C-alpha atoms as a PDB file:
ATOM      1  CA  MET A   1       0.011  -0.021  -0.037  1.00  0.00           C
ATOM      2  CA  THR A   2       2.885   2.304   0.894  1.00  0.00           C
ATOM      3  CA  ARG A   3       4.626   1.732  -2.374  1.00  0.00           C
ATOM      4  CA  LEU A   4       1.449   2.233  -4.349  1.00  0.00           C
ATOM      5  CA  LEU A   5       1.000   5.664  -2.399  1.00  0.00           C
ATOM      6  CA  LEU A   6       4.532   6.702  -3.097  1.00  0.00           C
ATOM      7  CA  ALA A   7       4.307   5.693  -6.844  1.00  0.00           C
ATOM      8  CA  LYS A   8       1.027   7.860  -7.134  1.00  0.00           C
ATOM      9  CA  THR A   9       2.485  10.776  -5.333  1.00  0.00           C
ATOM     10  CA  ARG A  10       5.492  10.816  -7.663  1.00  0.00           C
ATOM     11  CA  ALA A  11       3.253  10.458 -10.655  1.00  0.00           C
ATOM     12  CA  VAL A  12       1.190  13.451  -9.847  1.00  0.00           C
ATOM     13  CA  GLY A  13       4.072  15.429  -8.488  1.00  0.00           C
ATOM     14  CA  ALA A  14       2.703  15.585  -4.902  1.00  0.00           C
ATOM     15  CA  SER A  15       4.926  17.451  -2.462  1.00  0.00           C
ATOM     16  CA  CYS A  16       6.505  15.964   0.523  1.00  0.00           C
ATOM     17  CA  CYS A  17       4.071  18.091   2.571  1.00  0.00           C
ATOM     18  CA  ASP A  18       1.159  16.395   0.869  1.00  0.00           C
ATOM     19  CA  LEU A  19       2.551  12.928   1.892  1.00  0.00           C
ATOM     20  CA  ALA A  20       3.111  14.147   5.338  1.00  0.00           C
ATOM     21  CA  TRP A  21      -0.485  15.298   5.497  1.00  0.00           C
ATOM     22  CA  TRP A  22      -1.738  11.943   4.373  1.00  0.00           C
ATOM     23  CA  TRP A  23       0.230  10.188   7.066  1.00  0.00           C
ATOM     24  CA  ALA A  24      -1.034  12.595   9.734  1.00  0.00           C
ATOM     25  CA  GLN A  25      -4.623  11.797   8.639  1.00  0.00           C
ATOM     26  CA  ARG A  26      -3.896   8.113   8.514  1.00  0.00           C
ATOM     27  CA  ALA A  27      -2.391   8.284  12.098  1.00  0.00           C
ATOM     28  CA  LEU A  28      -5.657   9.867  13.402  1.00  0.00           C
ATOM     29  CA  VAL A  29      -7.629   6.925  12.077  1.00  0.00           C
ATOM     30  CA  LEU A  30      -5.270   4.272  13.500  1.00  0.00           C
ATOM     31  CA  PHE A  31      -4.396   6.042  16.803  1.00  0.00           C
ATOM     32  CA  PRO A  32      -7.238   8.513  17.622  1.00  0.00           C
ATOM     33  CA  VAL A  33      -6.227  11.210  20.105  1.00  0.00           C
ATOM     34  CA  PHE A  34      -8.365  11.319  23.247  1.00  0.00           C
ATOM     35  CA  ALA A  35      -8.547  14.661  25.004  1.00  0.00           C
ATOM     36  CA  LEU A  36      -7.462  14.304  28.626  1.00  0.00           C
ATOM     37  CA  ALA A  37     -10.191  15.619  30.764  1.00  0.00           C
ATOM     38  CA  ALA A  38      -9.017  18.369  33.138  1.00  0.00           C
ATOM     39  CA  PRO A  39      -9.040  17.573  36.846  1.00  0.00           C
ATOM     40  CA  PRO A  40     -12.210  18.776  38.539  1.00  0.00           C
ATOM     41  CA  ALA A  41     -11.811  22.092  40.324  1.00  0.00           C
ATOM     42  CA  PRO A  42     -13.479  22.859  43.668  1.00  0.00           C
ATOM     43  CA  PRO A  43     -16.789  24.409  43.327  1.00  0.00           C
ATOM     44  CA  PRO A  44     -16.452  28.386  43.315  1.00  0.00           C
ATOM     45  CA  VAL A  45     -18.569  28.638  46.462  1.00  0.00           C
ATOM     46  CA  SER A  46     -15.858  26.827  48.473  1.00  0.00           C
ATOM     47  CA  ALA A  47     -13.555  29.821  48.131  1.00  0.00           C
ATOM     48  CA  ALA A  48     -15.681  31.786  50.518  1.00  0.00           C
ATOM     49  CA  TYR A  49     -14.954  29.361  53.327  1.00  0.00           C
ATOM     50  CA  ARG A  50     -11.349  28.474  52.559  1.00  0.00           C
ATOM     51  CA  VAL A  51      -9.671  30.772  54.910  1.00  0.00           C
ATOM     52  CA  GLU A  52     -11.907  29.915  57.779  1.00  0.00           C
ATOM     53  CA  LEU A  53     -11.476  26.172  57.158  1.00  0.00           C
ATOM     54  CA  VAL A  54      -7.642  26.507  57.210  1.00  0.00           C
ATOM     55  CA  ARG A  55      -7.954  28.624  60.403  1.00  0.00           C
ATOM     56  CA  SER A  56     -10.118  26.188  62.182  1.00  0.00           C
ATOM     57  CA  ALA A  57      -8.245  23.151  61.011  1.00  0.00           C
ATOM     58  CA  ARG A  58      -4.852  24.405  62.169  1.00  0.00           C
ATOM     59  CA  SER A  59      -6.479  25.632  65.446  1.00  0.00           C
ATOM     60  CA  VAL A  60      -7.623  22.104  66.186  1.00  0.00           C
ATOM     61  CA  TRP A  61      -5.122  19.860  64.340  1.00  0.00           C
ATOM     62  CA  GLY A  62      -2.017  22.006  64.315  1.00  0.00           C
ATOM     63  CA  LEU A  63      -0.111  23.349  61.387  1.00  0.00           C
ATOM     64  CA  ASP A  64       0.001  19.974  59.665  1.00  0.00           C
ATOM     65  CA  ALA A  65      -3.836  19.745  59.570  1.00  0.00           C
ATOM     66  CA  PRO A  66      -5.196  17.606  56.546  1.00  0.00           C
ATOM     67  CA  ILE A  67      -7.034  20.593  55.149  1.00  0.00           C
ATOM     68  CA  ALA A  68      -7.593  18.998  51.713  1.00  0.00           C
ATOM     69  CA  THR A  69      -9.263  15.962  53.460  1.00  0.00           C
ATOM     70  CA  LEU A  70     -11.413  18.120  55.635  1.00  0.00           C
ATOM     71  CA  ALA A  71     -12.451  20.283  52.477  1.00  0.00           C
ATOM     72  CA  ALA A  72     -13.386  16.962  50.732  1.00  0.00           C
ATOM     73  CA  GLN A  73     -15.473  16.038  53.697  1.00  0.00           C
ATOM     74  CA  VAL A  74     -17.354  19.424  53.602  1.00  0.00           C
ATOM     75  CA  HIS A  75     -17.859  18.911  49.912  1.00  0.00           C
ATOM     76  CA  GLN A  76     -19.391  15.568  50.531  1.00  0.00           C
ATOM     77  CA  GLU A  77     -21.525  16.633  53.394  1.00  0.00           C
ATOM     78  CA  SER A  78     -23.140  19.844  52.166  1.00  0.00           C
ATOM     79  CA  ALA A  79     -21.590  20.903  48.880  1.00  0.00           C
ATOM     80  CA  TRP A  80     -20.470  24.064  50.826  1.00  0.00           C
ATOM     81  CA  ASN A  81     -24.081  25.157  51.469  1.00  0.00           C
ATOM     82  CA  PRO A  82     -24.178  26.638  54.991  1.00  0.00           C
ATOM     83  CA  ARG A  83     -28.037  26.421  55.039  1.00  0.00           C
ATOM     84  CA  ALA A  84     -28.224  22.826  53.907  1.00  0.00           C
ATOM     85  CA  VAL A  85     -30.641  20.500  55.879  1.00  0.00           C
ATOM     86  CA  SER A  86     -30.938  16.808  55.114  1.00  0.00           C
ATOM     87  CA  HIS A  87     -34.089  14.776  55.195  1.00  0.00           C
ATOM     88  CA  VAL A  88     -33.153  13.537  58.577  1.00  0.00           C
ATOM     89  CA  GLY A  89     -32.345  16.925  60.115  1.00  0.00           C
ATOM     90  CA  ALA A  90     -28.564  17.206  59.806  1.00  0.00           C
ATOM     91  CA  ALA A  91     -27.757  20.914  59.380  1.00  0.00           C
ATOM     92  CA  GLY A  92     -25.119  23.245  58.080  1.00  0.00           C
ATOM     93  CA  LEU A  93     -21.807  22.823  56.273  1.00  0.00           C
ATOM     94  CA  ALA A  94     -20.797  19.895  58.391  1.00  0.00           C
ATOM     95  CA  GLN A  95     -24.266  18.391  58.543  1.00  0.00           C
ATOM     96  CA  PHE A  96     -24.483  17.897  62.384  1.00  0.00           C
ATOM     97  CA  MET A  97     -27.497  16.058  63.649  1.00  0.00           C
ATOM     98  CA  PRO A  98     -29.090  18.032  66.601  1.00  0.00           C
ATOM     99  CA  ALA A  99     -27.900  15.454  69.291  1.00  0.00           C
ATOM    100  CA  THR A 100     -24.356  15.553  68.026  1.00  0.00           C
ATOM    101  CA  SER A 101     -24.306  19.362  67.651  1.00  0.00           C
ATOM    102  CA  SER A 102     -25.414  19.724  71.375  1.00  0.00           C
ATOM    103  CA  TRP A 103     -22.904  17.212  72.505  1.00  0.00           C
ATOM    104  CA  ILE A 104     -19.852  18.776  70.779  1.00  0.00           C
ATOM    105  CA  SER A 105     -20.908  22.220  72.032  1.00  0.00           C
ATOM    106  CA  ARG A 106     -20.225  20.896  75.531  1.00  0.00           C
ATOM    107  CA  ILE A 107     -16.908  19.276  74.908  1.00  0.00           C
ATOM    108  CA  ASP A 108     -15.303  22.221  72.986  1.00  0.00           C
ATOM    109  CA  PRO A 109     -15.441  25.593  74.682  1.00  0.00           C
ATOM    110  CA  GLN A 110     -15.048  27.232  71.331  1.00  0.00           C
ATOM    111  CA  LEU A 111     -18.331  25.638  70.181  1.00  0.00           C
ATOM    112  CA  ALA A 112     -20.556  26.506  73.202  1.00  0.00           C
ATOM    113  CA  ALA A 113     -22.795  28.616  71.119  1.00  0.00           C
ATOM    114  CA  ASN A 114     -24.170  25.550  69.245  1.00  0.00           C
ATOM    115  CA  GLU A 115     -24.778  27.234  65.945  1.00  0.00           C
ATOM    116  CA  PRO A 116     -24.710  24.591  63.123  1.00  0.00           C
ATOM    117  CA  PHE A 117     -25.783  27.213  60.548  1.00  0.00           C
ATOM    118  CA  ASN A 118     -22.949  29.421  61.363  1.00  0.00           C
ATOM    119  CA  PRO A 119     -20.085  28.554  58.946  1.00  0.00           C
ATOM    120  CA  THR A 120     -17.336  29.380  61.534  1.00  0.00           C
ATOM    121  CA  TRP A 121     -18.965  27.142  64.062  1.00  0.00           C
ATOM    122  CA  SER A 122     -19.597  24.390  61.599  1.00  0.00           C
ATOM    123  CA  LEU A 123     -16.141  24.229  60.225  1.00  0.00           C
ATOM    124  CA  ARG A 124     -14.667  24.198  63.735  1.00  0.00           C
ATOM    125  CA  ALA A 125     -17.059  21.508  64.778  1.00  0.00           C
ATOM    126  CA  LEU A 126     -16.181  19.302  61.866  1.00  0.00           C
ATOM    127  CA  ALA A 127     -12.355  19.633  62.582  1.00  0.00           C
ATOM    128  CA  SER A 128     -12.979  19.047  66.328  1.00  0.00           C
ATOM    129  CA  TYR A 129     -15.207  15.998  65.998  1.00  0.00           C
ATOM    130  CA  ASP A 130     -12.893  14.459  63.379  1.00  0.00           C
ATOM    131  CA  LEU A 131      -9.939  14.900  65.832  1.00  0.00           C
ATOM    132  CA  TRP A 132     -11.967  13.410  68.622  1.00  0.00           C
ATOM    133  CA  LEU A 133     -12.657  10.338  66.518  1.00  0.00           C
ATOM    134  CA  HIS A 134      -9.111  10.221  65.283  1.00  0.00           C
ATOM    135  CA  GLU A 135      -7.831   9.880  68.828  1.00  0.00           C
ATOM    136  CA  ARG A 136     -10.114   6.812  69.302  1.00  0.00           C
ATOM    137  CA  VAL A 137      -9.385   4.694  66.267  1.00  0.00           C
ATOM    138  CA  ALA A 138      -6.214   3.162  64.937  1.00  0.00           C
ATOM    139  CA  GLY A 139      -5.243   2.365  61.300  1.00  0.00           C
ATOM    140  CA  ARG A 140      -2.337   0.722  59.368  1.00  0.00           C
ATOM    141  CA  ASP A 141      -1.476   4.253  58.075  1.00  0.00           C
ATOM    142  CA  GLY A 142      -2.926   7.779  57.928  1.00  0.00           C
ATOM    143  CA  CYS A 143      -5.219   6.981  55.093  1.00  0.00           C
ATOM    144  CA  GLN A 144      -6.703   3.812  56.650  1.00  0.00           C
ATOM    145  CA  ARG A 145      -7.066   5.517  60.013  1.00  0.00           C
ATOM    146  CA  PHE A 146      -8.928   8.514  58.566  1.00  0.00           C
ATOM    147  CA  ALA A 147     -11.199   6.142  56.577  1.00  0.00           C
ATOM    148  CA  MET A 148     -12.317   4.875  59.934  1.00  0.00           C
ATOM    149  CA  VAL A 149     -12.812   8.300  61.244  1.00  0.00           C
ATOM    150  CA  LEU A 150     -15.057   9.084  58.390  1.00  0.00           C
ATOM    151  CA  SER A 151     -17.003   5.829  58.885  1.00  0.00           C
ATOM    152  CA  ALA A 152     -17.571   6.853  62.510  1.00  0.00           C
ATOM    153  CA  TYR A 153     -18.475  10.428  61.568  1.00  0.00           C
ATOM    154  CA  ASN A 154     -21.107   9.161  59.291  1.00  0.00           C
ATOM    155  CA  GLY A 155     -22.445   6.094  61.228  1.00  0.00           C
ATOM    156  CA  GLY A 156     -21.077   6.215  64.793  1.00  0.00           C
ATOM    157  CA  LEU A 157     -17.804   5.109  66.471  1.00  0.00           C
ATOM    158  CA  GLY A 158     -19.500   2.041  68.139  1.00  0.00           C
ATOM    159  CA  TRP A 159     -20.337   0.634  64.673  1.00  0.00           C
ATOM    160  CA  VAL A 160     -16.702   1.043  63.559  1.00  0.00           C
ATOM    161  CA  ASN A 161     -15.505  -0.856  66.530  1.00  0.00           C
ATOM    162  CA  ARG A 162     -17.927  -3.623  66.061  1.00  0.00           C
ATOM    163  CA  ASP A 163     -16.991  -3.870  62.365  1.00  0.00           C
ATOM    164  CA  LYS A 164     -13.361  -4.051  63.378  1.00  0.00           C
ATOM    165  CA  ALA A 165     -13.930  -6.781  65.880  1.00  0.00           C
ATOM    166  CA  LEU A 166     -15.969  -8.803  63.192  1.00  0.00           C
ATOM    167  CA  ALA A 167     -13.134  -8.316  60.642  1.00  0.00           C
ATOM    168  CA  ALA A 168     -10.620  -9.638  63.073  1.00  0.00           C
ATOM    169  CA  ARG A 169     -12.861 -12.781  63.830  1.00  0.00           C
ATOM    170  CA  GLN A 170     -12.959 -13.424  60.198  1.00  0.00           C
ATOM    171  CA  GLY A 171      -9.232 -13.279  59.802  1.00  0.00           C
ATOM    172  CA  LEU A 172      -9.120  -9.865  58.281  1.00  0.00           C
ATOM    173  CA  ASP A 173      -6.786  -7.043  59.257  1.00  0.00           C
ATOM    174  CA  PRO A 174      -8.815  -4.692  61.615  1.00  0.00           C
ATOM    175  CA  LEU A 175      -6.252  -1.940  60.949  1.00  0.00           C
ATOM    176  CA  LEU A 176      -7.109  -1.819  57.237  1.00  0.00           C
ATOM    177  CA  TRP A 177     -10.273  -0.125  56.154  1.00  0.00           C
ATOM    178  CA  PHE A 178     -10.161  -0.398  52.383  1.00  0.00           C
ATOM    179  CA  GLY A 179     -10.582  -4.027  51.235  1.00  0.00           C
ATOM    180  CA  SER A 180     -10.824  -5.272  54.869  1.00  0.00           C
ATOM    181  CA  VAL A 181     -13.066  -3.683  57.599  1.00  0.00           C
ATOM    182  CA  GLU A 182     -15.144  -1.961  54.995  1.00  0.00           C
ATOM    183  CA  THR A 183     -16.112  -5.442  53.670  1.00  0.00           C
ATOM    184  CA  VAL A 184     -17.924  -6.672  56.758  1.00  0.00           C
ATOM    185  CA  ASN A 185     -21.210  -5.705  58.352  1.00  0.00           C
ATOM    186  CA  ALA A 186     -21.667  -6.147  62.055  1.00  0.00           C
ATOM    187  CA  GLY A 187     -25.422  -5.708  61.857  1.00  0.00           C
ATOM    188  CA  ARG A 188     -26.413  -2.464  60.024  1.00  0.00           C
ATOM    189  CA  ALA A 189     -29.317  -2.264  57.765  1.00  0.00           C
ATOM    190  CA  PRO A 190     -28.180  -2.880  54.193  1.00  0.00           C
ATOM    191  CA  GLY A 191     -28.946   0.654  52.967  1.00  0.00           C
ATOM    192  CA  HIS A 192     -27.157   2.340  55.886  1.00  0.00           C
ATOM    193  CA  TRP A 193     -24.217  -0.063  55.551  1.00  0.00           C
ATOM    194  CA  ARG A 194     -23.833   0.802  51.748  1.00  0.00           C
ATOM    195  CA  GLU A 195     -24.133   4.465  52.436  1.00  0.00           C
ATOM    196  CA  ASN A 196     -21.481   4.185  55.197  1.00  0.00           C
ATOM    197  CA  ARG A 197     -19.064   2.354  52.945  1.00  0.00           C
ATOM    198  CA  ASP A 198     -19.406   4.866  50.193  1.00  0.00           C
ATOM    199  CA  TYR A 199     -18.759   7.865  52.365  1.00  0.00           C
ATOM    200  CA  PRO A 200     -15.035   7.380  53.043  1.00  0.00           C
ATOM    201  CA  ARG A 201     -14.509   6.363  49.355  1.00  0.00           C
ATOM    202  CA  ARG A 202     -16.021   9.472  48.002  1.00  0.00           C
ATOM    203  CA  ILE A 203     -14.148  11.710  50.304  1.00  0.00           C
ATOM    204  CA  LEU A 204     -10.758  10.077  50.304  1.00  0.00           C
ATOM    205  CA  LEU A 205     -10.520   8.494  46.862  1.00  0.00           C
ATOM    206  CA  ARG A 206     -12.371  11.032  44.836  1.00  0.00           C
ATOM    207  CA  HIS A 207     -12.955  14.560  46.360  1.00  0.00           C
ATOM    208  CA  GLU A 208      -9.700  14.835  48.305  1.00  0.00           C
ATOM    209  CA  ARG A 209      -7.585  14.789  45.052  1.00  0.00           C
ATOM    210  CA  THR A 210      -9.586  17.774  43.922  1.00  0.00           C
ATOM    211  CA  TYR A 211      -8.473  20.041  46.840  1.00  0.00           C
ATOM    212  CA  VAL A 212      -4.875  18.653  46.872  1.00  0.00           C
ATOM    213  CA  ASP A 213      -4.586  19.545  43.198  1.00  0.00           C
ATOM    214  CA  ALA A 214      -6.160  23.040  43.814  1.00  0.00           C
ATOM    215  CA  GLY A 215      -3.460  23.729  46.424  1.00  0.00           C
ATOM    216  CA  TRP A 216      -5.625  23.594  49.471  1.00  0.00           C
ATOM    217  CA  GLY A 217      -2.996  21.616  51.474  1.00  0.00           C
ATOM    218  CA  ARG A 218      -2.256  18.097  52.602  1.00  0.00           C
ATOM    219  CA  GLY A 219      -4.544  15.073  52.094  1.00  0.00           C
ATOM    220  CA  VAL A 220      -4.266  11.905  54.116  1.00  0.00           C
ATOM    221  CA  CYS A 221      -4.568   9.568  51.142  1.00  0.00           C
ATOM    222  CA  THR A 222      -3.052  11.708  48.314  1.00  0.00           C
END
């Protein structure tokens, strides 16, 4: 085929540019170029709360706070809507249930006002609750440990402890969330169990990268 093409191009006096053009078109057929999708950017509304999240996170966690991880959690919880209310009554940027909101307002003096619709309060509460949970779970590494924090944030620390115990009884590593503890169910309703397993995955394996790439700071899994 190539010889025939060369013969034809010589016969008609085709230029080298004509031949190069033909090969370029042929390459597009044989090896199509797929445009690489740009990484998703944080929603524009998140910019209004970035400074406050950084301040709250560092105040609670220290200068090495996992800010990109916390931002990913807010993204998942409320999509940065400070007036968000879920169908079960969770409220604000951090989607605190009334009982949890009342409880954390008693353990952190900075949260005594109990104002879940106040963005400053809500971001501080999220950082504080995550740290409280972080101090009560163990993981094989920072990523696995924070996955357990998120499961506890979403469904309760007691369930995480029961799931870890069940995983150990089944010969699985209780310090690994992904592919281990996340695969067992110590008794939750199927719908609640699926939601809980999806929660850490969306935050750590999807949204966190968005905020790391946008320069928000450190992520525990990225």
